[in-house]
Protein backbone atom coordinates (compact mmCIF):
# COMPACT_ATOMS: atom_id res chain seq x y z
CA UNK A 1 136.26 -50.69 -55.56
CA UNK A 2 138.11 -47.41 -55.34
CA UNK A 3 134.91 -45.44 -55.77
CA UNK A 4 133.43 -47.33 -52.84
CA UNK A 5 136.41 -46.44 -50.69
CA UNK A 6 136.21 -42.82 -51.75
CA UNK A 7 132.51 -42.77 -50.88
CA UNK A 8 133.23 -44.35 -47.51
CA UNK A 9 136.03 -41.88 -46.77
CA UNK A 10 133.78 -39.02 -47.81
CA UNK A 11 131.07 -40.22 -45.42
CA UNK A 12 133.57 -40.53 -42.57
CA UNK A 13 134.93 -37.06 -43.32
CA UNK A 14 131.46 -35.55 -43.36
CA UNK A 15 130.67 -37.30 -40.07
CA UNK A 16 133.84 -35.91 -38.48
CA UNK A 17 133.00 -32.39 -39.68
CA UNK A 18 129.45 -32.72 -38.37
CA UNK A 19 130.78 -33.89 -34.98
CA UNK A 20 133.18 -30.93 -34.79
CA UNK A 21 130.40 -28.51 -35.73
CA UNK A 22 128.13 -29.99 -33.08
CA UNK A 23 130.87 -29.73 -30.44
CA UNK A 24 131.57 -26.12 -31.44
CA UNK A 25 127.87 -25.30 -31.24
CA UNK A 26 127.61 -26.66 -27.68
CA UNK A 27 130.75 -24.93 -26.43
CA UNK A 28 130.51 -21.52 -24.77
CA UNK A 29 133.14 -18.86 -24.77
CA UNK A 30 134.74 -17.60 -21.57
CA UNK A 31 132.68 -14.40 -21.46
CA UNK A 32 129.45 -16.42 -21.60
CA UNK A 33 130.83 -18.68 -18.88
CA UNK A 34 131.44 -15.68 -16.61
CA UNK A 35 127.99 -14.27 -17.37
CA UNK A 36 126.44 -17.58 -16.31
CA UNK A 37 128.69 -17.59 -13.25
CA UNK A 38 127.37 -14.16 -12.25
CA UNK A 39 123.77 -15.29 -12.75
CA UNK A 40 124.00 -18.55 -10.81
CA UNK A 41 126.41 -17.12 -8.25
CA UNK A 42 124.11 -14.25 -7.32
CA UNK A 43 121.07 -16.52 -7.35
CA UNK A 44 122.57 -19.15 -5.06
CA UNK A 45 124.20 -16.69 -2.64
CA UNK A 46 121.03 -14.61 -2.25
CA UNK A 47 119.04 -17.84 -1.81
CA UNK A 48 121.38 -18.97 0.96
CA UNK A 49 121.15 -15.54 2.63
CA UNK A 50 117.35 -15.71 2.62
CA UNK A 51 117.37 -19.29 3.92
CA UNK A 52 119.79 -18.26 6.66
CA UNK A 53 117.37 -15.57 7.82
CA UNK A 54 114.43 -18.00 7.95
CA UNK A 55 115.39 -19.54 11.31
CA UNK A 56 115.97 -16.29 13.27
CA UNK A 57 112.85 -14.72 11.75
CA UNK A 58 110.82 -17.79 12.68
CA UNK A 59 112.19 -17.78 16.23
CA UNK A 60 111.63 -14.04 16.59
CA UNK A 61 108.21 -13.45 15.08
CA UNK A 62 106.50 -16.86 15.15
CA UNK A 63 107.70 -18.40 18.41
CA UNK A 64 108.07 -15.04 20.14
CA UNK A 65 111.77 -15.20 21.09
CA UNK A 66 112.69 -11.79 19.65
CA UNK A 67 115.52 -10.31 21.79
CA UNK A 68 114.70 -6.70 20.92
CA UNK A 69 116.14 -4.39 18.27
CA UNK A 70 118.52 -2.70 20.71
CA UNK A 71 120.31 -5.98 21.45
CA UNK A 72 120.43 -6.89 17.76
CA UNK A 73 121.82 -3.52 16.65
CA UNK A 74 124.39 -3.33 19.46
CA UNK A 75 125.54 -6.88 18.73
CA UNK A 76 125.84 -6.13 15.03
CA UNK A 77 127.84 -2.96 15.66
CA UNK A 78 130.18 -4.78 18.06
CA UNK A 79 130.75 -7.58 15.54
CA UNK A 80 131.08 -5.26 12.53
CA UNK A 81 133.65 -3.08 14.30
CA UNK A 82 135.98 -6.09 14.39
CA UNK A 83 135.17 -7.96 11.19
CA UNK A 84 133.72 -5.38 8.76
CA UNK A 85 137.06 -4.69 7.12
CA UNK A 86 137.24 -8.37 6.15
CA UNK A 87 134.06 -7.97 4.08
CA UNK A 88 136.07 -5.69 1.79
CA UNK A 89 139.57 -7.12 2.15
CA UNK A 90 138.84 -10.80 1.49
CA UNK A 91 137.03 -10.47 -1.87
CA UNK A 92 139.73 -8.11 -3.17
CA UNK A 93 142.61 -10.23 -1.85
CA UNK A 94 141.29 -13.59 -2.97
CA UNK A 95 139.83 -12.61 -6.35
CA UNK A 96 143.11 -12.76 -8.38
CA UNK A 97 143.46 -16.47 -7.53
CA UNK A 98 139.80 -17.51 -7.40
CA UNK A 99 138.43 -15.59 -10.38
CA UNK A 100 134.72 -14.83 -10.90
CA UNK A 101 133.29 -18.34 -10.66
CA UNK A 102 135.73 -19.42 -7.96
CA UNK A 103 134.88 -16.39 -5.83
CA UNK A 104 131.15 -17.14 -5.94
CA UNK A 105 131.72 -20.81 -5.14
CA UNK A 106 134.24 -20.14 -2.37
CA UNK A 107 132.11 -17.55 -0.58
CA UNK A 108 129.10 -19.83 -0.91
CA UNK A 109 130.79 -22.90 0.60
CA UNK A 110 132.99 -21.07 3.13
CA UNK A 111 136.36 -22.15 4.54
CA UNK A 112 138.08 -19.88 2.02
CA UNK A 113 141.36 -19.27 3.79
CA UNK A 114 141.91 -22.79 5.09
CA UNK A 115 140.41 -24.83 2.23
CA UNK A 116 139.30 -23.09 -0.98
CA UNK A 117 142.27 -20.76 -1.48
CA UNK A 118 145.00 -23.36 -0.76
CA UNK A 119 143.27 -25.95 -2.98
CA UNK A 120 142.93 -23.43 -5.81
CA UNK A 121 146.55 -22.27 -5.63
CA UNK A 122 147.94 -25.81 -5.40
CA UNK A 123 145.81 -26.96 -8.35
CA UNK A 124 146.95 -23.99 -10.44
CA UNK A 125 150.56 -24.77 -9.61
CA UNK A 126 150.17 -28.45 -10.51
CA UNK A 127 148.64 -27.80 -13.96
CA UNK A 128 150.83 -24.77 -14.66
CA UNK A 129 148.00 -22.22 -14.73
CA UNK A 130 148.78 -18.61 -13.86
CA UNK A 131 146.37 -16.90 -11.42
CA UNK A 132 144.23 -14.30 -13.16
CA UNK A 133 144.09 -16.19 -16.46
CA UNK A 134 141.19 -18.10 -17.98
CA UNK A 135 142.92 -21.42 -17.33
CA UNK A 136 143.66 -20.31 -13.79
CA UNK A 137 140.01 -19.47 -13.06
CA UNK A 138 138.69 -22.75 -14.47
CA UNK A 139 141.32 -24.68 -12.50
CA UNK A 140 140.47 -22.83 -9.30
CA UNK A 141 136.75 -23.45 -9.77
CA UNK A 142 137.21 -27.18 -10.34
CA UNK A 143 139.57 -27.45 -7.36
CA UNK A 144 137.16 -25.60 -5.05
CA UNK A 145 134.24 -27.73 -6.24
CA UNK A 146 136.17 -30.95 -5.57
CA UNK A 147 137.32 -29.68 -2.17
CA UNK A 148 133.79 -28.61 -1.22
CA UNK A 149 132.31 -32.00 -2.14
CA UNK A 150 135.04 -33.80 -0.21
CA UNK A 151 134.53 -31.47 2.74
CA UNK A 152 130.77 -32.09 2.74
CA UNK A 153 131.24 -35.87 2.66
CA UNK A 154 133.79 -35.80 5.48
CA UNK A 155 131.64 -33.41 7.53
CA UNK A 156 128.72 -35.79 7.23
CA UNK A 157 130.69 -38.53 8.98
CA UNK A 158 132.29 -36.09 11.43
CA UNK A 159 128.92 -34.66 12.46
CA UNK A 160 127.49 -38.13 12.97
CA UNK A 161 130.46 -39.46 14.92
CA UNK A 162 132.57 -36.40 15.72
CA UNK A 163 131.63 -36.06 19.37
CA UNK A 164 132.62 -39.64 20.05
CA UNK A 165 135.93 -39.29 18.19
CA UNK A 166 136.83 -36.13 20.10
CA UNK A 167 136.02 -37.80 23.40
CA UNK A 168 138.46 -40.68 22.79
CA UNK A 169 141.30 -38.58 21.35
CA UNK A 170 144.22 -37.86 23.70
CA UNK A 171 144.89 -34.30 24.77
CA UNK A 172 148.18 -34.22 22.85
CA UNK A 173 146.30 -34.80 19.58
CA UNK A 174 143.64 -32.21 20.42
CA UNK A 175 146.26 -29.56 21.18
CA UNK A 176 147.96 -30.22 17.82
CA UNK A 177 144.85 -29.11 15.88
CA UNK A 178 145.77 -25.45 16.31
CA UNK A 179 148.76 -25.99 14.00
CA UNK A 180 146.63 -27.24 11.09
CA UNK A 181 145.93 -23.83 9.53
CA UNK A 182 149.54 -22.54 9.77
CA UNK A 183 150.69 -25.85 8.24
CA UNK A 184 148.33 -25.41 5.28
CA UNK A 185 149.57 -21.88 4.55
CA UNK A 186 153.16 -22.98 5.12
CA UNK A 187 152.76 -25.71 2.52
CA UNK A 188 151.30 -23.27 0.01
CA UNK A 189 154.05 -20.66 0.42
CA UNK A 190 156.71 -23.42 0.29
CA UNK A 191 155.33 -24.63 -3.04
CA UNK A 192 155.59 -21.16 -4.55
CA UNK A 193 158.96 -20.52 -2.90
CA UNK A 194 160.43 -23.58 -4.64
CA UNK A 195 159.60 -21.97 -7.99
CA UNK A 196 160.49 -18.40 -6.98
CA UNK A 197 162.73 -18.45 -3.86
CA UNK A 198 162.93 -14.65 -3.76
CA UNK A 199 159.16 -14.36 -3.69
CA UNK A 200 159.07 -16.82 -0.78
CA UNK A 201 161.58 -14.72 1.17
CA UNK A 202 159.56 -11.57 0.52
CA UNK A 203 156.35 -13.28 1.69
CA UNK A 204 157.99 -14.58 4.87
CA UNK A 205 159.54 -11.17 5.57
CA UNK A 206 156.20 -9.41 5.20
CA UNK A 207 154.51 -12.04 7.36
CA UNK A 208 157.03 -11.51 10.17
CA UNK A 209 156.82 -7.73 9.85
CA UNK A 210 153.02 -7.67 9.95
CA UNK A 211 152.63 -10.17 12.80
CA UNK A 212 155.43 -8.80 14.97
CA UNK A 213 154.81 -5.12 14.25
CA UNK A 214 152.20 -2.81 15.81
CA UNK A 215 149.59 -3.51 13.15
CA UNK A 216 145.92 -4.30 13.94
CA UNK A 217 145.08 -7.96 13.47
CA UNK A 218 142.28 -7.06 11.08
CA UNK A 219 144.78 -5.80 8.48
CA UNK A 220 147.27 -8.70 8.73
CA UNK A 221 146.04 -10.75 5.77
CA UNK A 222 145.45 -7.76 3.54
CA UNK A 223 148.86 -6.19 4.19
CA UNK A 224 150.70 -9.50 3.75
CA UNK A 225 149.08 -10.12 0.38
CA UNK A 226 149.29 -6.53 -0.84
CA UNK A 227 152.86 -5.97 0.32
CA UNK A 228 154.15 -9.25 -1.12
CA UNK A 229 152.43 -8.71 -4.47
CA UNK A 230 153.65 -5.11 -4.84
CA UNK A 231 157.26 -5.88 -3.91
CA UNK A 232 157.42 -8.96 -6.16
CA UNK A 233 155.96 -6.98 -9.07
CA UNK A 234 158.52 -4.22 -8.57
CA UNK A 235 161.33 -6.79 -8.40
CA UNK A 236 160.17 -8.43 -11.63
CA UNK A 237 159.88 -5.03 -13.32
CA UNK A 238 163.41 -4.06 -12.27
CA UNK A 239 164.68 -7.46 -13.41
CA UNK A 240 162.99 -7.07 -16.80
CA UNK A 241 164.48 -3.57 -17.23
CA UNK A 242 167.97 -4.85 -16.41
CA UNK A 243 167.54 -7.72 -18.84
CA UNK A 244 166.36 -5.32 -21.55
CA UNK A 245 169.30 -3.00 -20.97
CA UNK A 246 171.83 -5.81 -21.03
């Protein structure tokens, strides 16, 4: 009887070991995950870029509605003179929170400042994941994916019935929509300020300084993020030095 039990326990133990080995074999390390993120991220973004160019190319060279290269170049220069700095600032500013995979996904789906970034930062705060860590990147990616799916589902209904809804909404409700984005960022900074009140004060101070000072609008986001991060890092460094001395 005891030998039967021992044989049964041995079989169960071997099965458990085999299951663990199989799970370990199917798991990928974080470096492999980022390599796959680079591969699929570049593939999907370049695919979307090419698909985006299909319509204007078709209109220009198939249907004959080409506006002329002078109009295209002048329009591009006028647009780039205002927004080109954002092409550099946004990836650098958002990367510490989004990570590799989150950056690809966010720039593919869009709505980074008013959807992807707040969702990522709130999710990281809820699960206790520090931005810039492996856990933080995975959390940000999952949060952005969930937000993007939800956004796509809602947009489907809004596109189908949005015009009618807007036509029946009162003017007071329509005028309140301009406060949506500030409310989102206010909620995010309030969440962090509850954990680190000093950091919240620094962020608010930099926001007031940048928006009320003679600073070009193009640099507002970059300077707010950079200034807040630098000052908070210096404050933490000074605090750590004082703690070490005491």
